[in-house]
Structures are given as C-alpha cells and as structure tokens.
Amino acid sequence: MNKNLHPKGWNEIKTNDSWAIFKIMGEFVNGFEKMSRIGPCISIFGSARTKPDDKYYKLAENIAQKIVEAGYGVITGGGPGIMEAGNKGAHLGGGTSVGLNIELPFEQHDNPYIDNDKSLDFDYFFVRKVMFVKYSQGFVVMPGGFGTLDELFEAITLIQTNKIEKFPIILVGTEFWSGVLDWIKSTLLEKFGNISATDLDLINLVDTEDEVIDILDAFYKEYELSPNF
C-alpha cells in the first residue's frame, strides 16, 4: 500500500473532525433558539462592497424600511454594503433587524444597525445558510457577487426539489439580473433542457420597493407564514 495515502497525523485529523461536530451542533442550537423567537422575516442579500452612495444601497435601504412597515422583520448577513443598507432600513422603520455574521478574511464586519439582541455570529457558512433558509419568508436579492449567487441558487434548488416550502425569490435590478435570467432561459431551459419551464416561476424580477412589497403581499394572501422546514 502506498504510504503517501496515509500521511503522518491522519488519525489526529480524524479525531479533530469528530470533535468539530460539537462546535457545529452548538452553532445550530444557538441559531435555532434565537431565530425561532424572532418571527416572520425577509432576507436581503447583496454585495458587501456596495458603497452608501450607490443607488442600490439606497434602494435596499428603502426596500427594508417598506418590509418592516408591512409587518415583517429583516435578516441580512450582518456586514457592510447591501447588508448594512438592509439593516439600516429596518432600523429606521422601527422594525426587527437581524444580522447573521460570519468572520471572513476581508469585507465582513458587523454593521451598527443590527438589533443588539439579534446579532448572531457563525464560523460555518453552511450553518449560517440553514438559518437563512429556515427562517426567511422571502429572499430579496440585490446585485452581488459569488456569495449572493450562492444563496440565490441554493434557495431555488431547495424549493425546486421540494426540500423546503416555496417562498418568494425577488431579484432587484433589471440591468444586473436580466443577463443571468436570459442565460438560464436560453441555455439551461431551451438549449440543454436542464430545468423545467415551471422552475422559472420561482423567480421574480423587479426594480422598485413597491414591487417587492406587492409580491410579498400577494404571496402571503395565499400561503401561511411559518418556518420553511
């Protein structure tokens, strides 16, 4: 047997992996306990690099304020950029402002608009993502990067495969998202047949805060508010 397949210290790595389970469990327990008491919320995603003078920062702020005025809370990733704008709008509207923070090598730091008792810290991306998916009654997705796309497509996949209940997924910014949607339609659907036409019904594309609220209101006239699994 090739000795390189069993490098020195392999058993120690396996032991450390086993103990990591308890840290992961701790993050899940803490997250479930805190998030289950918060009530219906809408998550706002977008780039951490968006500056306060950017039009999408202000739009995210306005959307968040409208969301809390409609009776929902707002959840963000807790950092700067669009996340800060979402928490700021919720704060200005006097509503629930939640931040699910994670330590990153760049970009991430807590923004000052999160409610003091609703700021959660995570080491594991996958635990944090479970909190978003379980306790969000809708995703509002602003222009962003890889992390934003990751959250978007995971939510679409989970709904498509019936692993979670359906909820509104709202893309904000035609100029940003239209190319992505065109590719999904022309390549995934029409050219390769890798999705069904009905899968596109999961996605809404809008440009204004009022359109966001209209979609949420219309959806929850038909469906009950509850955790998604």
C-alpha atoms as a PDB file:
ATOM      1  CA  MET A   1       0.000   0.000   0.000  1.00  0.00           C
ATOM      2  CA  ASN A   2       1.292   3.447  -0.871  1.00  0.00           C
ATOM      3  CA  LYS A   3       2.347   5.081   2.414  1.00  0.00           C
ATOM      4  CA  ASN A   4       1.503   8.505   0.954  1.00  0.00           C
ATOM      5  CA  LEU A   5      -2.161   7.540   1.178  1.00  0.00           C
ATOM      6  CA  HIS A   6      -1.883   7.578   4.970  1.00  0.00           C
ATOM      7  CA  PRO A   7       0.213  10.625   5.849  1.00  0.00           C
ATOM      8  CA  LYS A   8       1.518  11.154   9.344  1.00  0.00           C
ATOM      9  CA  GLY A   9      -1.066  12.766  11.573  1.00  0.00           C
ATOM     10  CA  TRP A  10      -4.062  11.362   9.685  1.00  0.00           C
ATOM     11  CA  ASN A  11      -5.577   9.863  12.828  1.00  0.00           C
ATOM     12  CA  GLU A  12      -5.207  13.171  14.641  1.00  0.00           C
ATOM     13  CA  ILE A  13      -7.084  14.903  11.813  1.00  0.00           C
ATOM     14  CA  LYS A  14      -9.914  12.379  12.078  1.00  0.00           C
ATOM     15  CA  THR A  15     -10.107  12.943  15.840  1.00  0.00           C
ATOM     16  CA  ASN A  16     -10.280  16.705  15.385  1.00  0.00           C
ATOM     17  CA  ASP A  17     -13.033  16.257  12.794  1.00  0.00           C
ATOM     18  CA  SER A  18     -15.071  14.254  15.287  1.00  0.00           C
ATOM     19  CA  TRP A  19     -14.783  16.905  17.995  1.00  0.00           C
ATOM     20  CA  ALA A  20     -15.793  19.601  15.483  1.00  0.00           C
ATOM     21  CA  ILE A  21     -19.263  18.035  15.464  1.00  0.00           C
ATOM     22  CA  PHE A  22     -19.929  19.525  18.892  1.00  0.00           C
ATOM     23  CA  LYS A  23     -18.989  23.011  17.767  1.00  0.00           C
ATOM     24  CA  ILE A  24     -21.239  22.645  14.722  1.00  0.00           C
ATOM     25  CA  MET A  25     -24.082  21.382  16.935  1.00  0.00           C
ATOM     26  CA  GLY A  26     -23.582  24.365  19.228  1.00  0.00           C
ATOM     27  CA  GLU A  27     -23.973  26.798  16.338  1.00  0.00           C
ATOM     28  CA  PHE A  28     -27.159  25.059  15.205  1.00  0.00           C
ATOM     29  CA  VAL A  29     -28.676  25.022  18.707  1.00  0.00           C
ATOM     30  CA  ASN A  30     -27.858  28.671  19.364  1.00  0.00           C
ATOM     31  CA  GLY A  31     -29.159  29.703  15.947  1.00  0.00           C
ATOM     32  CA  PHE A  32     -32.401  27.741  16.210  1.00  0.00           C
ATOM     33  CA  GLU A  33     -33.125  29.032  19.717  1.00  0.00           C
ATOM     34  CA  LYS A  34     -32.625  32.684  18.794  1.00  0.00           C
ATOM     35  CA  MET A  35     -34.147  32.662  15.323  1.00  0.00           C
ATOM     36  CA  SER A  36     -37.287  30.761  16.350  1.00  0.00           C
ATOM     37  CA  ARG A  37     -38.251  33.667  18.631  1.00  0.00           C
ATOM     38  CA  ILE A  38     -37.862  36.430  16.053  1.00  0.00           C
ATOM     39  CA  GLY A  39     -40.954  35.952  13.890  1.00  0.00           C
ATOM     40  CA  PRO A  40     -41.559  36.299  10.137  1.00  0.00           C
ATOM     41  CA  CYS A  41     -38.652  37.947   8.317  1.00  0.00           C
ATOM     42  CA  ILE A  42     -37.458  38.676   4.802  1.00  0.00           C
ATOM     43  CA  SER A  43     -33.777  38.205   3.954  1.00  0.00           C
ATOM     44  CA  ILE A  44     -31.949  40.815   1.903  1.00  0.00           C
ATOM     45  CA  PHE A  45     -28.800  39.725   0.061  1.00  0.00           C
ATOM     46  CA  GLY A  46     -26.281  41.675  -1.965  1.00  0.00           C
ATOM     47  CA  SER A  47     -22.699  42.789  -2.260  1.00  0.00           C
ATOM     48  CA  ALA A  48     -20.680  43.727   0.821  1.00  0.00           C
ATOM     49  CA  ARG A  49     -18.748  46.091  -1.459  1.00  0.00           C
ATOM     50  CA  THR A  50     -21.671  48.366  -2.332  1.00  0.00           C
ATOM     51  CA  LYS A  51     -20.977  51.897  -1.074  1.00  0.00           C
ATOM     52  CA  PRO A  52     -23.514  54.116   0.719  1.00  0.00           C
ATOM     53  CA  ASP A  53     -23.639  56.500  -2.252  1.00  0.00           C
ATOM     54  CA  ASP A  54     -24.581  53.678  -4.660  1.00  0.00           C
ATOM     55  CA  LYS A  55     -28.167  53.664  -5.922  1.00  0.00           C
ATOM     56  CA  TYR A  56     -28.599  50.032  -4.904  1.00  0.00           C
ATOM     57  CA  TYR A  57     -27.562  50.796  -1.322  1.00  0.00           C
ATOM     58  CA  LYS A  58     -30.319  53.375  -1.066  1.00  0.00           C
ATOM     59  CA  LEU A  59     -32.791  51.083  -2.829  1.00  0.00           C
ATOM     60  CA  ALA A  60     -32.002  48.241  -0.403  1.00  0.00           C
ATOM     61  CA  GLU A  61     -32.490  50.653   2.492  1.00  0.00           C
ATOM     62  CA  ASN A  62     -35.875  51.749   1.128  1.00  0.00           C
ATOM     63  CA  ILE A  63     -36.937  48.155   0.487  1.00  0.00           C
ATOM     64  CA  ALA A  64     -36.034  47.139   4.035  1.00  0.00           C
ATOM     65  CA  GLN A  65     -37.968  50.032   5.510  1.00  0.00           C
ATOM     66  CA  LYS A  66     -41.026  49.109   3.448  1.00  0.00           C
ATOM     67  CA  ILE A  67     -40.673  45.475   4.511  1.00  0.00           C
ATOM     68  CA  VAL A  68     -40.774  46.278   8.228  1.00  0.00           C
ATOM     69  CA  GLU A  69     -43.647  48.711   7.690  1.00  0.00           C
ATOM     70  CA  ALA A  70     -45.501  45.784   6.089  1.00  0.00           C
ATOM     71  CA  GLY A  71     -45.050  43.782   9.295  1.00  0.00           C
ATOM     72  CA  TYR A  72     -42.001  41.633   8.555  1.00  0.00           C
ATOM     73  CA  GLY A  73     -38.538  41.735  10.063  1.00  0.00           C
ATOM     74  CA  VAL A  74     -35.344  41.932   8.008  1.00  0.00           C
ATOM     75  CA  ILE A  75     -32.453  39.472   8.044  1.00  0.00           C
ATOM     76  CA  THR A  76     -29.087  40.192   6.438  1.00  0.00           C
ATOM     77  CA  GLY A  77     -25.609  38.725   6.575  1.00  0.00           C
ATOM     78  CA  GLY A  78     -24.764  41.415   9.102  1.00  0.00           C
ATOM     79  CA  GLY A  79     -21.875  43.005   7.244  1.00  0.00           C
ATOM     80  CA  PRO A  80     -21.318  46.186   5.208  1.00  0.00           C
ATOM     81  CA  GLY A  81     -22.679  47.195   1.805  1.00  0.00           C
ATOM     82  CA  ILE A  82     -26.145  45.936   0.906  1.00  0.00           C
ATOM     83  CA  MET A  83     -26.314  44.093   4.225  1.00  0.00           C
ATOM     84  CA  GLU A  84     -25.791  47.332   6.114  1.00  0.00           C
ATOM     85  CA  ALA A  85     -28.380  49.058   3.946  1.00  0.00           C
ATOM     86  CA  GLY A  86     -30.935  46.348   4.752  1.00  0.00           C
ATOM     87  CA  ASN A  87     -30.361  46.583   8.483  1.00  0.00           C
ATOM     88  CA  LYS A  88     -30.360  50.378   8.312  1.00  0.00           C
ATOM     89  CA  GLY A  89     -33.731  50.470   6.560  1.00  0.00           C
ATOM     90  CA  ALA A  90     -35.211  48.067   9.102  1.00  0.00           C
ATOM     91  CA  HIS A  91     -33.793  50.162  11.944  1.00  0.00           C
ATOM     92  CA  LEU A  92     -35.152  53.407  10.508  1.00  0.00           C
ATOM     93  CA  GLY A  93     -38.544  51.776  10.062  1.00  0.00           C
ATOM     94  CA  GLY A  94     -38.608  50.697  13.696  1.00  0.00           C
ATOM     95  CA  GLY A  95     -38.724  47.011  12.818  1.00  0.00           C
ATOM     96  CA  THR A  96     -36.809  43.846  13.586  1.00  0.00           C
ATOM     97  CA  SER A  97     -33.222  43.995  12.291  1.00  0.00           C
ATOM     98  CA  VAL A  98     -31.302  40.707  12.336  1.00  0.00           C
ATOM     99  CA  GLY A  99     -27.661  40.104  11.384  1.00  0.00           C
ATOM    100  CA  LEU A 100     -26.173  36.661  10.745  1.00  0.00           C
ATOM    101  CA  ASN A 101     -22.485  37.465  10.903  1.00  0.00           C
ATOM    102  CA  ILE A 102     -19.530  35.388   9.795  1.00  0.00           C
ATOM    103  CA  GLU A 103     -15.824  36.071  10.061  1.00  0.00           C
ATOM    104  CA  LEU A 104     -14.169  36.484   6.660  1.00  0.00           C
ATOM    105  CA  PRO A 105     -10.625  37.420   5.610  1.00  0.00           C
ATOM    106  CA  PHE A 106     -11.986  40.630   4.050  1.00  0.00           C
ATOM    107  CA  GLU A 107     -15.222  42.591   3.725  1.00  0.00           C
ATOM    108  CA  GLN A 108     -17.045  41.337   6.808  1.00  0.00           C
ATOM    109  CA  HIS A 109     -17.607  43.372   9.958  1.00  0.00           C
ATOM    110  CA  ASP A 110     -20.762  43.938  11.953  1.00  0.00           C
ATOM    111  CA  ASN A 111     -22.790  46.939  10.871  1.00  0.00           C
ATOM    112  CA  PRO A 112     -24.243  49.245  13.537  1.00  0.00           C
ATOM    113  CA  TYR A 113     -27.918  48.839  12.553  1.00  0.00           C
ATOM    114  CA  ILE A 114     -28.491  45.303  13.873  1.00  0.00           C
ATOM    115  CA  ASP A 115     -30.668  44.945  16.979  1.00  0.00           C
ATOM    116  CA  ASN A 116     -28.419  44.244  19.967  1.00  0.00           C
ATOM    117  CA  ASP A 117     -30.211  41.014  20.826  1.00  0.00           C
ATOM    118  CA  LYS A 118     -30.471  39.812  17.209  1.00  0.00           C
ATOM    119  CA  SER A 119     -26.833  39.646  16.148  1.00  0.00           C
ATOM    120  CA  LEU A 120     -25.622  36.066  15.679  1.00  0.00           C
ATOM    121  CA  ASP A 121     -22.055  35.008  14.914  1.00  0.00           C
ATOM    122  CA  PHE A 122     -21.145  31.927  12.881  1.00  0.00           C
ATOM    123  CA  ASP A 123     -17.925  30.145  11.989  1.00  0.00           C
ATOM    124  CA  TYR A 124     -19.548  27.806   9.469  1.00  0.00           C
ATOM    125  CA  PHE A 125     -21.102  29.064   6.252  1.00  0.00           C
ATOM    126  CA  PHE A 126     -23.387  26.035   5.976  1.00  0.00           C
ATOM    127  CA  VAL A 127     -24.906  26.587   9.443  1.00  0.00           C
ATOM    128  CA  ARG A 128     -25.486  30.259   8.652  1.00  0.00           C
ATOM    129  CA  LYS A 129     -27.152  29.330   5.349  1.00  0.00           C
ATOM    130  CA  VAL A 130     -29.536  26.970   7.129  1.00  0.00           C
ATOM    131  CA  MET A 131     -30.691  29.878   9.314  1.00  0.00           C
ATOM    132  CA  PHE A 132     -31.419  31.998   6.253  1.00  0.00           C
ATOM    133  CA  VAL A 133     -33.351  29.245   4.524  1.00  0.00           C
ATOM    134  CA  LYS A 134     -35.303  28.019   7.551  1.00  0.00           C
ATOM    135  CA  TYR A 135     -36.422  31.358   8.963  1.00  0.00           C
ATOM    136  CA  SER A 136     -36.836  33.624   5.920  1.00  0.00           C
ATOM    137  CA  GLN A 137     -40.270  34.151   4.406  1.00  0.00           C
ATOM    138  CA  GLY A 138     -38.720  35.561   1.255  1.00  0.00           C
ATOM    139  CA  PHE A 139     -35.391  36.389  -0.374  1.00  0.00           C
ATOM    140  CA  VAL A 140     -34.792  39.867  -1.795  1.00  0.00           C
ATOM    141  CA  VAL A 141     -31.641  39.591  -3.873  1.00  0.00           C
ATOM    142  CA  MET A 142     -29.812  42.769  -4.807  1.00  0.00           C
ATOM    143  CA  PRO A 143     -26.752  42.953  -7.106  1.00  0.00           C
ATOM    144  CA  GLY A 144     -23.895  40.998  -5.587  1.00  0.00           C
ATOM    145  CA  GLY A 145     -21.044  38.577  -6.117  1.00  0.00           C
ATOM    146  CA  PHE A 146     -20.391  34.874  -5.620  1.00  0.00           C
ATOM    147  CA  GLY A 147     -21.900  34.772  -2.123  1.00  0.00           C
ATOM    148  CA  THR A 148     -25.119  36.371  -3.334  1.00  0.00           C
ATOM    149  CA  LEU A 149     -25.366  33.924  -6.238  1.00  0.00           C
ATOM    150  CA  ASP A 150     -24.664  31.038  -3.877  1.00  0.00           C
ATOM    151  CA  GLU A 151     -27.578  31.963  -1.598  1.00  0.00           C
ATOM    152  CA  LEU A 152     -29.875  32.552  -4.577  1.00  0.00           C
ATOM    153  CA  PHE A 153     -29.248  29.259  -6.353  1.00  0.00           C
ATOM    154  CA  GLU A 154     -29.290  27.199  -3.171  1.00  0.00           C
ATOM    155  CA  ALA A 155     -32.744  28.565  -2.318  1.00  0.00           C
ATOM    156  CA  ILE A 156     -34.012  27.897  -5.852  1.00  0.00           C
ATOM    157  CA  THR A 157     -32.626  24.347  -5.740  1.00  0.00           C
ATOM    158  CA  LEU A 158     -34.179  23.550  -2.363  1.00  0.00           C
ATOM    159  CA  ILE A 159     -37.588  24.824  -3.458  1.00  0.00           C
ATOM    160  CA  GLN A 160     -37.334  23.102  -6.848  1.00  0.00           C
ATOM    161  CA  THR A 161     -36.578  19.759  -5.164  1.00  0.00           C
ATOM    162  CA  ASN A 162     -39.308  20.199  -2.509  1.00  0.00           C
ATOM    163  CA  LYS A 163     -36.792  20.140   0.330  1.00  0.00           C
ATOM    164  CA  ILE A 164     -38.256  23.367   1.705  1.00  0.00           C
ATOM    165  CA  GLU A 165     -41.553  25.179   1.353  1.00  0.00           C
ATOM    166  CA  LYS A 166     -41.955  27.638  -1.510  1.00  0.00           C
ATOM    167  CA  PHE A 167     -41.327  31.311  -0.727  1.00  0.00           C
ATOM    168  CA  PRO A 168     -40.874  34.430  -2.888  1.00  0.00           C
ATOM    169  CA  ILE A 169     -37.482  34.955  -4.512  1.00  0.00           C
ATOM    170  CA  ILE A 170     -37.247  38.527  -5.756  1.00  0.00           C
ATOM    171  CA  LEU A 171     -34.339  39.772  -7.862  1.00  0.00           C
ATOM    172  CA  VAL A 172     -33.939  43.548  -7.723  1.00  0.00           C
ATOM    173  CA  GLY A 173     -32.258  45.327 -10.631  1.00  0.00           C
ATOM    174  CA  THR A 174     -33.140  44.508 -14.230  1.00  0.00           C
ATOM    175  CA  GLU A 175     -29.834  45.856 -15.522  1.00  0.00           C
ATOM    176  CA  PHE A 176     -27.937  43.449 -13.259  1.00  0.00           C
ATOM    177  CA  TRP A 177     -30.059  40.296 -13.344  1.00  0.00           C
ATOM    178  CA  SER A 178     -31.503  40.250 -16.869  1.00  0.00           C
ATOM    179  CA  GLY A 179     -28.363  38.668 -18.331  1.00  0.00           C
ATOM    180  CA  VAL A 180     -28.448  35.873 -15.752  1.00  0.00           C
ATOM    181  CA  LEU A 181     -32.114  35.186 -16.458  1.00  0.00           C
ATOM    182  CA  ASP A 182     -31.536  35.267 -20.222  1.00  0.00           C
ATOM    183  CA  TRP A 183     -28.790  32.646 -19.830  1.00  0.00           C
ATOM    184  CA  ILE A 184     -30.993  30.471 -17.629  1.00  0.00           C
ATOM    185  CA  LYS A 185     -33.786  30.587 -20.220  1.00  0.00           C
ATOM    186  CA  SER A 186     -31.707  30.221 -23.371  1.00  0.00           C
ATOM    187  CA  THR A 187     -29.092  27.760 -22.113  1.00  0.00           C
ATOM    188  CA  LEU A 188     -30.424  25.792 -19.138  1.00  0.00           C
ATOM    189  CA  LEU A 189     -34.007  25.570 -20.383  1.00  0.00           C
ATOM    190  CA  GLU A 190     -34.117  25.844 -24.164  1.00  0.00           C
ATOM    191  CA  LYS A 191     -30.730  24.544 -25.334  1.00  0.00           C
ATOM    192  CA  PHE A 192     -29.969  21.807 -22.790  1.00  0.00           C
ATOM    193  CA  GLY A 193     -33.281  21.169 -21.055  1.00  0.00           C
ATOM    194  CA  ASN A 194     -31.643  21.046 -17.640  1.00  0.00           C
ATOM    195  CA  ILE A 195     -34.576  22.742 -15.908  1.00  0.00           C
ATOM    196  CA  SER A 196     -38.337  22.854 -16.430  1.00  0.00           C
ATOM    197  CA  ALA A 197     -40.215  25.916 -17.618  1.00  0.00           C
ATOM    198  CA  THR A 198     -42.152  25.960 -14.340  1.00  0.00           C
ATOM    199  CA  ASP A 199     -38.876  26.378 -12.416  1.00  0.00           C
ATOM    200  CA  LEU A 200     -38.727  29.932 -13.732  1.00  0.00           C
ATOM    201  CA  ASP A 201     -41.956  30.664 -11.854  1.00  0.00           C
ATOM    202  CA  LEU A 202     -39.874  30.675  -8.670  1.00  0.00           C
ATOM    203  CA  ILE A 203     -38.133  33.914  -9.679  1.00  0.00           C
ATOM    204  CA  ASN A 204     -39.447  37.482  -9.814  1.00  0.00           C
ATOM    205  CA  LEU A 205     -37.543  40.397 -11.373  1.00  0.00           C
ATOM    206  CA  VAL A 206     -38.324  43.943 -10.192  1.00  0.00           C
ATOM    207  CA  ASP A 207     -36.825  47.404  -9.941  1.00  0.00           C
ATOM    208  CA  THR A 208     -38.713  49.175  -7.149  1.00  0.00           C
ATOM    209  CA  GLU A 209     -39.511  48.768  -3.481  1.00  0.00           C
ATOM    210  CA  ASP A 210     -43.258  48.832  -4.140  1.00  0.00           C
ATOM    211  CA  GLU A 211     -42.974  45.861  -6.497  1.00  0.00           C
ATOM    212  CA  VAL A 212     -41.188  43.909  -3.764  1.00  0.00           C
ATOM    213  CA  ILE A 213     -43.988  44.553  -1.274  1.00  0.00           C
ATOM    214  CA  ASP A 214     -46.680  43.739  -3.841  1.00  0.00           C
ATOM    215  CA  ILE A 215     -45.102  40.315  -4.474  1.00  0.00           C
ATOM    216  CA  LEU A 216     -44.781  39.543  -0.762  1.00  0.00           C
ATOM    217  CA  ASP A 217     -48.349  40.634  -0.029  1.00  0.00           C
ATOM    218  CA  ALA A 218     -49.784  38.645  -2.928  1.00  0.00           C
ATOM    219  CA  PHE A 219     -47.884  35.510  -1.926  1.00  0.00           C
ATOM    220  CA  TYR A 220     -48.868  35.583   1.740  1.00  0.00           C
ATOM    221  CA  LYS A 221     -52.518  36.138   0.992  1.00  0.00           C
ATOM    222  CA  GLU A 222     -52.362  32.558  -0.298  1.00  0.00           C
ATOM    223  CA  TYR A 223     -49.753  30.901   1.937  1.00  0.00           C
ATOM    224  CA  GLU A 224     -49.269  30.774   5.708  1.00  0.00           C
ATOM    225  CA  LEU A 225     -46.229  32.288   7.426  1.00  0.00           C
ATOM    226  CA  SER A 226     -44.116  29.575   9.039  1.00  0.00           C
ATOM    227  CA  PRO A 227     -40.536  28.214   9.116  1.00  0.00           C
ATOM    228  CA  ASN A 228     -39.658  26.603   5.807  1.00  0.00           C
ATOM    229  CA  PHE A 229     -38.853  23.119   7.143  1.00  0.00           C
END
